[in-house]
Amino acid sequence: MCSFGGPCGAGVHQLDWPRHLAVDEDSRLIFVADELNDRVVVLRSPTLEFVRLVRGHGLSQPRRLYLAGRQRLYAGQWGGGGVAVIAFQA
């Protein structure tokens, strides 16, 4: 088994209220909605190795993620309301 995170926080290897995730089986990427840090954390499957952080894109308290196609991620938001669209490259 693998794990990612540890104590709550805003560091690169920390999460603060992870709410939802989406998995891209082709690229083997896992997207985690890190609500209270206003970001999406990208991990490599199955090792949960950190890949990168996604911030900006109008992202505010992401709660739900939906992966559409190969390079588009939708994030439903709580605090800012609405939906953010995030383009990514595997």
PDB file of N, CA and C in Angstrom:
ATOM      1  N   MET A   1       0.825  -1.187   0.000  1.00  0.00           N
ATOM      2  CA  MET A   1       0.000   0.000   0.000  1.00  0.00           C
ATOM      3  C   MET A   1       0.863   1.241   0.000  1.00  0.00           C
ATOM      4  N   CYS A   2       0.295   2.299  -0.564  1.00  0.00           N
ATOM      5  CA  CYS A   2       0.964   3.599  -0.606  1.00  0.00           C
ATOM      6  C   CYS A   2       0.059   4.632   0.037  1.00  0.00           C
ATOM      7  N   SER A   3       0.653   5.735   0.435  1.00  0.00           N
ATOM      8  CA  SER A   3      -0.148   6.841   0.951  1.00  0.00           C
ATOM      9  C   SER A   3       0.499   8.158   0.543  1.00  0.00           C
ATOM     10  N   PHE A   4      -0.289   9.218   0.583  1.00  0.00           N
ATOM     11  CA  PHE A   4       0.197  10.555   0.277  1.00  0.00           C
ATOM     12  C   PHE A   4      -0.450  11.500   1.268  1.00  0.00           C
ATOM     13  N   GLY A   5       0.293  12.457   1.740  1.00  0.00           N
ATOM     14  CA  GLY A   5      -0.272  13.450   2.650  1.00  0.00           C
ATOM     15  C   GLY A   5       0.440  13.449   3.969  1.00  0.00           C
ATOM     16  N   GLY A   6      -0.250  13.108   4.996  1.00  0.00           N
ATOM     17  CA  GLY A   6       0.288  13.193   6.350  1.00  0.00           C
ATOM     18  C   GLY A   6      -0.500  14.234   7.108  1.00  0.00           C
ATOM     19  N   PRO A   7       0.156  15.007   7.961  1.00  0.00           N
ATOM     20  CA  PRO A   7      -0.569  16.040   8.701  1.00  0.00           C
ATOM     21  C   PRO A   7      -1.159  17.070   7.731  1.00  0.00           C
ATOM     22  N   CYS A   8      -2.334  17.600   8.074  1.00  0.00           N
ATOM     23  CA  CYS A   8      -2.953  18.635   7.237  1.00  0.00           C
ATOM     24  C   CYS A   8      -2.011  19.816   7.092  1.00  0.00           C
ATOM     25  N   GLY A   9      -2.031  20.421   5.921  1.00  0.00           N
ATOM     26  CA  GLY A   9      -1.199  21.593   5.703  1.00  0.00           C
ATOM     27  C   GLY A   9      -1.244  22.041   4.267  1.00  0.00           C
ATOM     28  N   ALA A  10      -0.445  23.051   3.958  1.00  0.00           N
ATOM     29  CA  ALA A  10      -0.423  23.644   2.629  1.00  0.00           C
ATOM     30  C   ALA A  10       0.866  23.340   1.882  1.00  0.00           C
ATOM     31  N   GLY A  11       1.721  22.487   2.434  1.00  0.00           N
ATOM     32  CA  GLY A  11       2.974  22.139   1.773  1.00  0.00           C
ATOM     33  C   GLY A  11       2.735  21.296   0.531  1.00  0.00           C
ATOM     34  N   VAL A  12       3.755  21.152  -0.252  1.00  0.00           N
ATOM     35  CA  VAL A  12       3.667  20.391  -1.500  1.00  0.00           C
ATOM     36  C   VAL A  12       3.212  18.955  -1.256  1.00  0.00           C
ATOM     37  N   HIS A  13       3.648  18.348  -0.187  1.00  0.00           N
ATOM     38  CA  HIS A  13       3.298  16.963   0.105  1.00  0.00           C
ATOM     39  C   HIS A  13       2.239  16.851   1.205  1.00  0.00           C
ATOM     40  N   GLN A  14       1.401  17.894   1.311  1.00  0.00           N
ATOM     41  CA  GLN A  14       0.335  17.903   2.300  1.00  0.00           C
ATOM     42  C   GLN A  14      -0.999  18.215   1.627  1.00  0.00           C
ATOM     43  N   LEU A  15      -2.069  17.816   2.277  1.00  0.00           N
ATOM     44  CA  LEU A  15      -3.415  18.114   1.816  1.00  0.00           C
ATOM     45  C   LEU A  15      -4.193  18.733   2.971  1.00  0.00           C
ATOM     46  N   ASP A  16      -5.166  19.580   2.618  1.00  0.00           N
ATOM     47  CA  ASP A  16      -6.058  20.133   3.632  1.00  0.00           C
ATOM     48  C   ASP A  16      -7.484  19.992   3.112  1.00  0.00           C
ATOM     49  N   TRP A  17      -8.124  18.951   3.548  1.00  0.00           N
ATOM     50  CA  TRP A  17      -9.463  18.563   3.207  1.00  0.00           C
ATOM     51  C   TRP A  17      -9.547  18.071   1.754  1.00  0.00           C
ATOM     52  N   PRO A  18      -8.905  16.952   1.469  1.00  0.00           N
ATOM     53  CA  PRO A  18      -9.052  16.340   0.137  1.00  0.00           C
ATOM     54  C   PRO A  18     -10.488  15.852  -0.020  1.00  0.00           C
ATOM     55  N   ARG A  19     -11.191  16.341  -1.033  1.00  0.00           N
ATOM     56  CA  ARG A  19     -12.627  16.106  -1.154  1.00  0.00           C
ATOM     57  C   ARG A  19     -13.010  15.077  -2.205  1.00  0.00           C
ATOM     58  N   HIS A  20     -12.274  14.998  -3.287  1.00  0.00           N
ATOM     59  CA  HIS A  20     -12.704  14.148  -4.393  1.00  0.00           C
ATOM     60  C   HIS A  20     -11.489  13.872  -5.264  1.00  0.00           C
ATOM     61  N   LEU A  21     -11.584  12.819  -6.071  1.00  0.00           N
ATOM     62  CA  LEU A  21     -10.482  12.561  -6.997  1.00  0.00           C
ATOM     63  C   LEU A  21     -11.008  12.039  -8.320  1.00  0.00           C
ATOM     64  N   ALA A  22     -10.178  12.189  -9.329  1.00  0.00           N
ATOM     65  CA  ALA A  22     -10.453  11.677 -10.672  1.00  0.00           C
ATOM     66  C   ALA A  22      -9.191  10.975 -11.145  1.00  0.00           C
ATOM     67  N   VAL A  23      -9.361   9.891 -11.895  1.00  0.00           N
ATOM     68  CA  VAL A  23      -8.227   9.101 -12.353  1.00  0.00           C
ATOM     69  C   VAL A  23      -8.235   9.038 -13.877  1.00  0.00           C
ATOM     70  N   ASP A  24      -7.098   9.361 -14.481  1.00  0.00           N
ATOM     71  CA  ASP A  24      -6.910   9.188 -15.920  1.00  0.00           C
ATOM     72  C   ASP A  24      -6.113   7.902 -16.113  1.00  0.00           C
ATOM     73  N   GLU A  25      -6.793   6.845 -16.512  1.00  0.00           N
ATOM     74  CA  GLU A  25      -6.135   5.545 -16.632  1.00  0.00           C
ATOM     75  C   GLU A  25      -5.086   5.517 -17.734  1.00  0.00           C
ATOM     76  N   ASP A  26      -5.270   6.307 -18.803  1.00  0.00           N
ATOM     77  CA  ASP A  26      -4.295   6.321 -19.895  1.00  0.00           C
ATOM     78  C   ASP A  26      -2.959   6.898 -19.455  1.00  0.00           C
ATOM     79  N   SER A  27      -2.989   8.048 -18.791  1.00  0.00           N
ATOM     80  CA  SER A  27      -1.745   8.701 -18.371  1.00  0.00           C
ATOM     81  C   SER A  27      -1.298   8.235 -16.991  1.00  0.00           C
ATOM     82  N   ARG A  28      -2.164   7.490 -16.300  1.00  0.00           N
ATOM     83  CA  ARG A  28      -1.891   7.013 -14.945  1.00  0.00           C
ATOM     84  C   ARG A  28      -1.704   8.171 -13.966  1.00  0.00           C
ATOM     85  N   LEU A  29      -2.520   9.215 -14.155  1.00  0.00           N
ATOM     86  CA  LEU A  29      -2.491  10.356 -13.252  1.00  0.00           C
ATOM     87  C   LEU A  29      -3.740  10.348 -12.377  1.00  0.00           C
ATOM     88  N   ILE A  30      -3.570  10.778 -11.124  1.00  0.00           N
ATOM     89  CA  ILE A  30      -4.657  10.916 -10.175  1.00  0.00           C
ATOM     90  C   ILE A  30      -4.752  12.397  -9.817  1.00  0.00           C
ATOM     91  N   PHE A  31      -5.940  12.959  -9.919  1.00  0.00           N
ATOM     92  CA  PHE A  31      -6.181  14.361  -9.606  1.00  0.00           C
ATOM     93  C   PHE A  31      -6.975  14.415  -8.305  1.00  0.00           C
ATOM     94  N   VAL A  32      -6.453  15.138  -7.311  1.00  0.00           N
ATOM     95  CA  VAL A  32      -7.094  15.217  -5.999  1.00  0.00           C
ATOM     96  C   VAL A  32      -7.538  16.656  -5.744  1.00  0.00           C
ATOM     97  N   ALA A  33      -8.832  16.852  -5.490  1.00  0.00           N
ATOM     98  CA  ALA A  33      -9.357  18.174  -5.142  1.00  0.00           C
ATOM     99  C   ALA A  33      -8.962  18.468  -3.695  1.00  0.00           C
ATOM    100  N   ASP A  34      -8.052  19.398  -3.502  1.00  0.00           N
ATOM    101  CA  ASP A  34      -7.558  19.788  -2.179  1.00  0.00           C
ATOM    102  C   ASP A  34      -8.276  21.088  -1.804  1.00  0.00           C
ATOM    103  N   GLU A  35      -9.488  20.932  -1.273  1.00  0.00           N
ATOM    104  CA  GLU A  35     -10.423  22.056  -1.142  1.00  0.00           C
ATOM    105  C   GLU A  35      -9.877  23.258  -0.395  1.00  0.00           C
ATOM    106  N   LEU A  36      -9.383  23.090   0.813  1.00  0.00           N
ATOM    107  CA  LEU A  36      -9.003  24.251   1.617  1.00  0.00           C
ATOM    108  C   LEU A  36      -7.679  24.881   1.190  1.00  0.00           C
ATOM    109  N   ASN A  37      -6.950  24.226   0.296  1.00  0.00           N
ATOM    110  CA  ASN A  37      -5.734  24.831  -0.268  1.00  0.00           C
ATOM    111  C   ASN A  37      -5.979  25.432  -1.653  1.00  0.00           C
ATOM    112  N   ASP A  38      -7.232  25.418  -2.121  1.00  0.00           N
ATOM    113  CA  ASP A  38      -7.597  26.017  -3.423  1.00  0.00           C
ATOM    114  C   ASP A  38      -6.738  25.480  -4.562  1.00  0.00           C
ATOM    115  N   ARG A  39      -6.620  24.143  -4.628  1.00  0.00           N
ATOM    116  CA  ARG A  39      -5.751  23.571  -5.656  1.00  0.00           C
ATOM    117  C   ARG A  39      -6.168  22.134  -5.962  1.00  0.00           C
ATOM    118  N   VAL A  40      -5.593  21.638  -7.039  1.00  0.00           N
ATOM    119  CA  VAL A  40      -5.698  20.226  -7.391  1.00  0.00           C
ATOM    120  C   VAL A  40      -4.285  19.659  -7.340  1.00  0.00           C
ATOM    121  N   VAL A  41      -4.123  18.551  -6.644  1.00  0.00           N
ATOM    122  CA  VAL A  41      -2.826  17.888  -6.540  1.00  0.00           C
ATOM    123  C   VAL A  41      -2.819  16.738  -7.547  1.00  0.00           C
ATOM    124  N   VAL A  42      -1.753  16.662  -8.337  1.00  0.00           N
ATOM    125  CA  VAL A  42      -1.633  15.605  -9.348  1.00  0.00           C
ATOM    126  C   VAL A  42      -0.599  14.594  -8.869  1.00  0.00           C
ATOM    127  N   LEU A  43      -1.008  13.329  -8.833  1.00  0.00           N
ATOM    128  CA  LEU A  43      -0.150  12.234  -8.378  1.00  0.00           C
ATOM    129  C   LEU A  43      -0.042  11.192  -9.475  1.00  0.00           C
ATOM    130  N   ARG A  44       1.003  10.387  -9.429  1.00  0.00           N
ATOM    131  CA  ARG A  44       1.204   9.279 -10.371  1.00  0.00           C
ATOM    132  C   ARG A  44       0.628   8.011  -9.753  1.00  0.00           C
ATOM    133  N   SER A  45      -0.150   7.299 -10.531  1.00  0.00           N
ATOM    134  CA  SER A  45      -0.710   6.021 -10.083  1.00  0.00           C
ATOM    135  C   SER A  45       0.214   4.897 -10.518  1.00  0.00           C
ATOM    136  N   PRO A  46       0.401   3.848  -9.768  1.00  0.00           N
ATOM    137  CA  PRO A  46      -0.194   3.510  -8.477  1.00  0.00           C
ATOM    138  C   PRO A  46       0.673   3.905  -7.285  1.00  0.00           C
ATOM    139  N   THR A  47       1.799   4.584  -7.509  1.00  0.00           N
ATOM    140  CA  THR A  47       2.752   4.866  -6.424  1.00  0.00           C
ATOM    141  C   THR A  47       2.388   6.083  -5.576  1.00  0.00           C
ATOM    142  N   LEU A  48       1.449   6.889  -6.045  1.00  0.00           N
ATOM    143  CA  LEU A  48       1.065   8.148  -5.405  1.00  0.00           C
ATOM    144  C   LEU A  48       2.234   9.123  -5.317  1.00  0.00           C
ATOM    145  N   GLU A  49       3.118   9.043  -6.273  1.00  0.00           N
ATOM    146  CA  GLU A  49       4.245   9.976  -6.370  1.00  0.00           C
ATOM    147  C   GLU A  49       3.720  11.346  -6.796  1.00  0.00           C
ATOM    148  N   PHE A  50       4.181  12.403  -6.110  1.00  0.00           N
ATOM    149  CA  PHE A  50       3.787  13.771  -6.431  1.00  0.00           C
ATOM    150  C   PHE A  50       4.269  14.135  -7.834  1.00  0.00           C
ATOM    151  N   VAL A  51       3.378  14.737  -8.641  1.00  0.00           N
ATOM    152  CA  VAL A  51       3.731  15.197  -9.984  1.00  0.00           C
ATOM    153  C   VAL A  51       3.748  16.721 -10.034  1.00  0.00           C
ATOM    154  N   ARG A  52       2.641  17.340  -9.637  1.00  0.00           N
ATOM    155  CA  ARG A  52       2.578  18.807  -9.667  1.00  0.00           C
ATOM    156  C   ARG A  52       1.316  19.304  -8.957  1.00  0.00           C
ATOM    157  N   LEU A  53       1.282  20.619  -8.740  1.00  0.00           N
ATOM    158  CA  LEU A  53       0.115  21.300  -8.195  1.00  0.00           C
ATOM    159  C   LEU A  53      -0.537  22.094  -9.308  1.00  0.00           C
ATOM    160  N   VAL A  54      -1.861  22.182  -9.290  1.00  0.00           N
ATOM    161  CA  VAL A  54      -2.593  23.014 -10.231  1.00  0.00           C
ATOM    162  C   VAL A  54      -3.311  24.077  -9.405  1.00  0.00           C
ATOM    163  N   ARG A  55      -2.965  25.327  -9.664  1.00  0.00           N
ATOM    164  CA  ARG A  55      -3.590  26.477  -9.000  1.00  0.00           C
ATOM    165  C   ARG A  55      -4.018  27.456 -10.071  1.00  0.00           C
ATOM    166  N   GLY A  56      -4.747  28.452  -9.671  1.00  0.00           N
ATOM    167  CA  GLY A  56      -5.204  29.448 -10.637  1.00  0.00           C
ATOM    168  C   GLY A  56      -6.397  28.907 -11.403  1.00  0.00           C
ATOM    169  N   HIS A  57      -6.515  29.272 -12.660  1.00  0.00           N
ATOM    170  CA  HIS A  57      -7.613  28.832 -13.526  1.00  0.00           C
ATOM    171  C   HIS A  57      -8.970  29.197 -12.911  1.00  0.00           C
ATOM    172  N   GLY A  58      -9.018  30.187 -12.033  1.00  0.00           N
ATOM    173  CA  GLY A  58     -10.248  30.542 -11.348  1.00  0.00           C
ATOM    174  C   GLY A  58     -10.641  29.533 -10.282  1.00  0.00           C
ATOM    175  N   LEU A  59      -9.692  28.719  -9.851  1.00  0.00           N
ATOM    176  CA  LEU A  59      -9.949  27.638  -8.905  1.00  0.00           C
ATOM    177  C   LEU A  59     -10.120  28.175  -7.491  1.00  0.00           C
ATOM    178  N   SER A  60     -11.256  27.842  -6.874  1.00  0.00           N
ATOM    179  CA  SER A  60     -11.526  28.265  -5.506  1.00  0.00           C
ATOM    180  C   SER A  60     -12.283  27.160  -4.779  1.00  0.00           C
ATOM    181  N   GLN A  61     -11.655  26.549  -3.821  1.00  0.00           N
ATOM    182  CA  GLN A  61     -12.227  25.472  -3.021  1.00  0.00           C
ATOM    183  C   GLN A  61     -12.845  24.362  -3.885  1.00  0.00           C
ATOM    184  N   PRO A  62     -12.020  23.681  -4.684  1.00  0.00           N
ATOM    185  CA  PRO A  62     -12.558  22.610  -5.528  1.00  0.00           C
ATOM    186  C   PRO A  62     -13.134  21.478  -4.683  1.00  0.00           C
ATOM    187  N   ARG A  63     -14.343  21.032  -5.045  1.00  0.00           N
ATOM    188  CA  ARG A  63     -15.020  19.975  -4.279  1.00  0.00           C
ATOM    189  C   ARG A  63     -15.217  18.706  -5.078  1.00  0.00           C
ATOM    190  N   ARG A  64     -15.494  18.814  -6.350  1.00  0.00           N
ATOM    191  CA  ARG A  64     -15.740  17.647  -7.187  1.00  0.00           C
ATOM    192  C   ARG A  64     -14.956  17.798  -8.475  1.00  0.00           C
ATOM    193  N   LEU A  65     -14.440  16.682  -8.982  1.00  0.00           N
ATOM    194  CA  LEU A  65     -13.669  16.673 -10.211  1.00  0.00           C
ATOM    195  C   LEU A  65     -14.323  15.758 -11.229  1.00  0.00           C
ATOM    196  N   TYR A  66     -14.224  16.150 -12.490  1.00  0.00           N
ATOM    197  CA  TYR A  66     -14.705  15.310 -13.581  1.00  0.00           C
ATOM    198  C   TYR A  66     -13.692  15.412 -14.710  1.00  0.00           C
ATOM    199  N   LEU A  67     -13.184  14.283 -15.130  1.00  0.00           N
ATOM    200  CA  LEU A  67     -12.199  14.232 -16.197  1.00  0.00           C
ATOM    201  C   LEU A  67     -12.926  13.961 -17.509  1.00  0.00           C
ATOM    202  N   ALA A  68     -12.778  14.860 -18.466  1.00  0.00           N
ATOM    203  CA  ALA A  68     -13.445  14.720 -19.760  1.00  0.00           C
ATOM    204  C   ALA A  68     -12.388  14.597 -20.847  1.00  0.00           C
ATOM    205  N   GLY A  69     -12.404  13.493 -21.538  1.00  0.00           N
ATOM    206  CA  GLY A  69     -11.412  13.303 -22.586  1.00  0.00           C
ATOM    207  C   GLY A  69     -10.031  13.142 -21.993  1.00  0.00           C
ATOM    208  N   ARG A  70      -9.042  13.500 -22.776  1.00  0.00           N
ATOM    209  CA  ARG A  70      -7.665  13.262 -22.348  1.00  0.00           C
ATOM    210  C   ARG A  70      -6.990  14.464 -21.720  1.00  0.00           C
ATOM    211  N   GLN A  71      -7.523  15.663 -21.944  1.00  0.00           N
ATOM    212  CA  GLN A  71      -6.775  16.816 -21.449  1.00  0.00           C
ATOM    213  C   GLN A  71      -7.649  17.923 -20.872  1.00  0.00           C
ATOM    214  N   ARG A  72      -8.797  17.543 -20.313  1.00  0.00           N
ATOM    215  CA  ARG A  72      -9.652  18.559 -19.725  1.00  0.00           C
ATOM    216  C   ARG A  72     -10.218  18.044 -18.403  1.00  0.00           C
ATOM    217  N   LEU A  73     -10.052  18.848 -17.372  1.00  0.00           N
ATOM    218  CA  LEU A  73     -10.535  18.512 -16.040  1.00  0.00           C
ATOM    219  C   LEU A  73     -11.489  19.616 -15.599  1.00  0.00           C
ATOM    220  N   TYR A  74     -12.668  19.232 -15.138  1.00  0.00           N
ATOM    221  CA  TYR A  74     -13.641  20.180 -14.619  1.00  0.00           C
ATOM    222  C   TYR A  74     -13.635  20.077 -13.100  1.00  0.00           C
ATOM    223  N   ALA A  75     -13.634  21.228 -12.444  1.00  0.00           N
ATOM    224  CA  ALA A  75     -13.643  21.264 -10.980  1.00  0.00           C
ATOM    225  C   ALA A  75     -14.852  22.054 -10.508  1.00  0.00           C
ATOM    226  N   GLY A  76     -15.781  21.355  -9.847  1.00  0.00           N
ATOM    227  CA  GLY A  76     -16.895  22.039  -9.211  1.00  0.00           C
ATOM    228  C   GLY A  76     -16.396  22.679  -7.930  1.00  0.00           C
ATOM    229  N   GLN A  77     -16.809  23.918  -7.680  1.00  0.00           N
ATOM    230  CA  GLN A  77     -16.231  24.685  -6.584  1.00  0.00           C
ATOM    231  C   GLN A  77     -17.262  25.079  -5.542  1.00  0.00           C
ATOM    232  N   TRP A  78     -16.797  25.220  -4.328  1.00  0.00           N
ATOM    233  CA  TRP A  78     -17.681  25.620  -3.236  1.00  0.00           C
ATOM    234  C   TRP A  78     -17.615  27.126  -3.024  1.00  0.00           C
ATOM    235  N   GLY A  79     -16.483  27.616  -2.591  1.00  0.00           N
ATOM    236  CA  GLY A  79     -16.359  29.017  -2.196  1.00  0.00           C
ATOM    237  C   GLY A  79     -16.601  30.011  -3.312  1.00  0.00           C
ATOM    238  N   GLY A  80     -16.009  29.777  -4.470  1.00  0.00           N
ATOM    239  CA  GLY A  80     -16.159  30.708  -5.581  1.00  0.00           C
ATOM    240  C   GLY A  80     -17.362  30.393  -6.437  1.00  0.00           C
ATOM    241  N   GLY A  81     -17.996  29.250  -6.186  1.00  0.00           N
ATOM    242  CA  GLY A  81     -19.136  28.847  -6.991  1.00  0.00           C
ATOM    243  C   GLY A  81     -18.718  28.530  -8.412  1.00  0.00           C
ATOM    244  N   GLY A  82     -19.564  27.904  -9.136  1.00  0.00           N
ATOM    245  CA  GLY A  82     -19.320  27.636 -10.543  1.00  0.00           C
ATOM    246  C   GLY A  82     -18.389  26.461 -10.771  1.00  0.00           C
ATOM    247  N   VAL A  83     -17.888  26.405 -11.995  1.00  0.00           N
ATOM    248  CA  VAL A  83     -17.027  25.316 -12.443  1.00  0.00           C
ATOM    249  C   VAL A  83     -15.776  25.908 -13.088  1.00  0.00           C
ATOM    250  N   ALA A  84     -14.628  25.397 -12.720  1.00  0.00           N
ATOM    251  CA  ALA A  84     -13.371  25.799 -13.359  1.00  0.00           C
ATOM    252  C   ALA A  84     -12.992  24.716 -14.366  1.00  0.00           C
ATOM    253  N   VAL A  85     -12.475  25.118 -15.511  1.00  0.00           N
ATOM    254  CA  VAL A  85     -12.016  24.181 -16.525  1.00  0.00           C
ATOM    255  C   VAL A  85     -10.503  24.257 -16.568  1.00  0.00           C
ATOM    256  N   ILE A  86      -9.863  23.087 -16.412  1.00  0.00           N
ATOM    257  CA  ILE A  86      -8.411  23.042 -16.351  1.00  0.00           C
ATOM    258  C   ILE A  86      -7.916  22.159 -17.485  1.00  0.00           C
ATOM    259  N   ALA A  87      -7.096  22.714 -18.360  1.00  0.00           N
ATOM    260  CA  ALA A  87      -6.453  21.927 -19.413  1.00  0.00           C
ATOM    261  C   ALA A  87      -5.144  21.390 -18.850  1.00  0.00           C
ATOM    262  N   PHE A  88      -4.841  20.139 -19.156  1.00  0.00           N
ATOM    263  CA  PHE A  88      -3.601  19.563 -18.652  1.00  0.00           C
ATOM    264  C   PHE A  88      -2.965  18.711 -19.724  1.00  0.00           C
ATOM    265  N   GLN A  89      -1.679  18.468 -19.556  1.00  0.00           N
ATOM    266  CA  GLN A  89      -0.957  17.560 -20.442  1.00  0.00           C
ATOM    267  C   GLN A  89      -0.410  16.434 -19.608  1.00  0.00           C
ATOM    268  N   ALA A  90      -0.635  15.219 -20.065  1.00  0.00           N
ATOM    269  CA  ALA A  90      -0.166  14.048 -19.332  1.00  0.00           C
ATOM    270  C   ALA A  90       1.332  13.946 -19.369  1.00  0.00           C
TER     271      ALA A  90
END
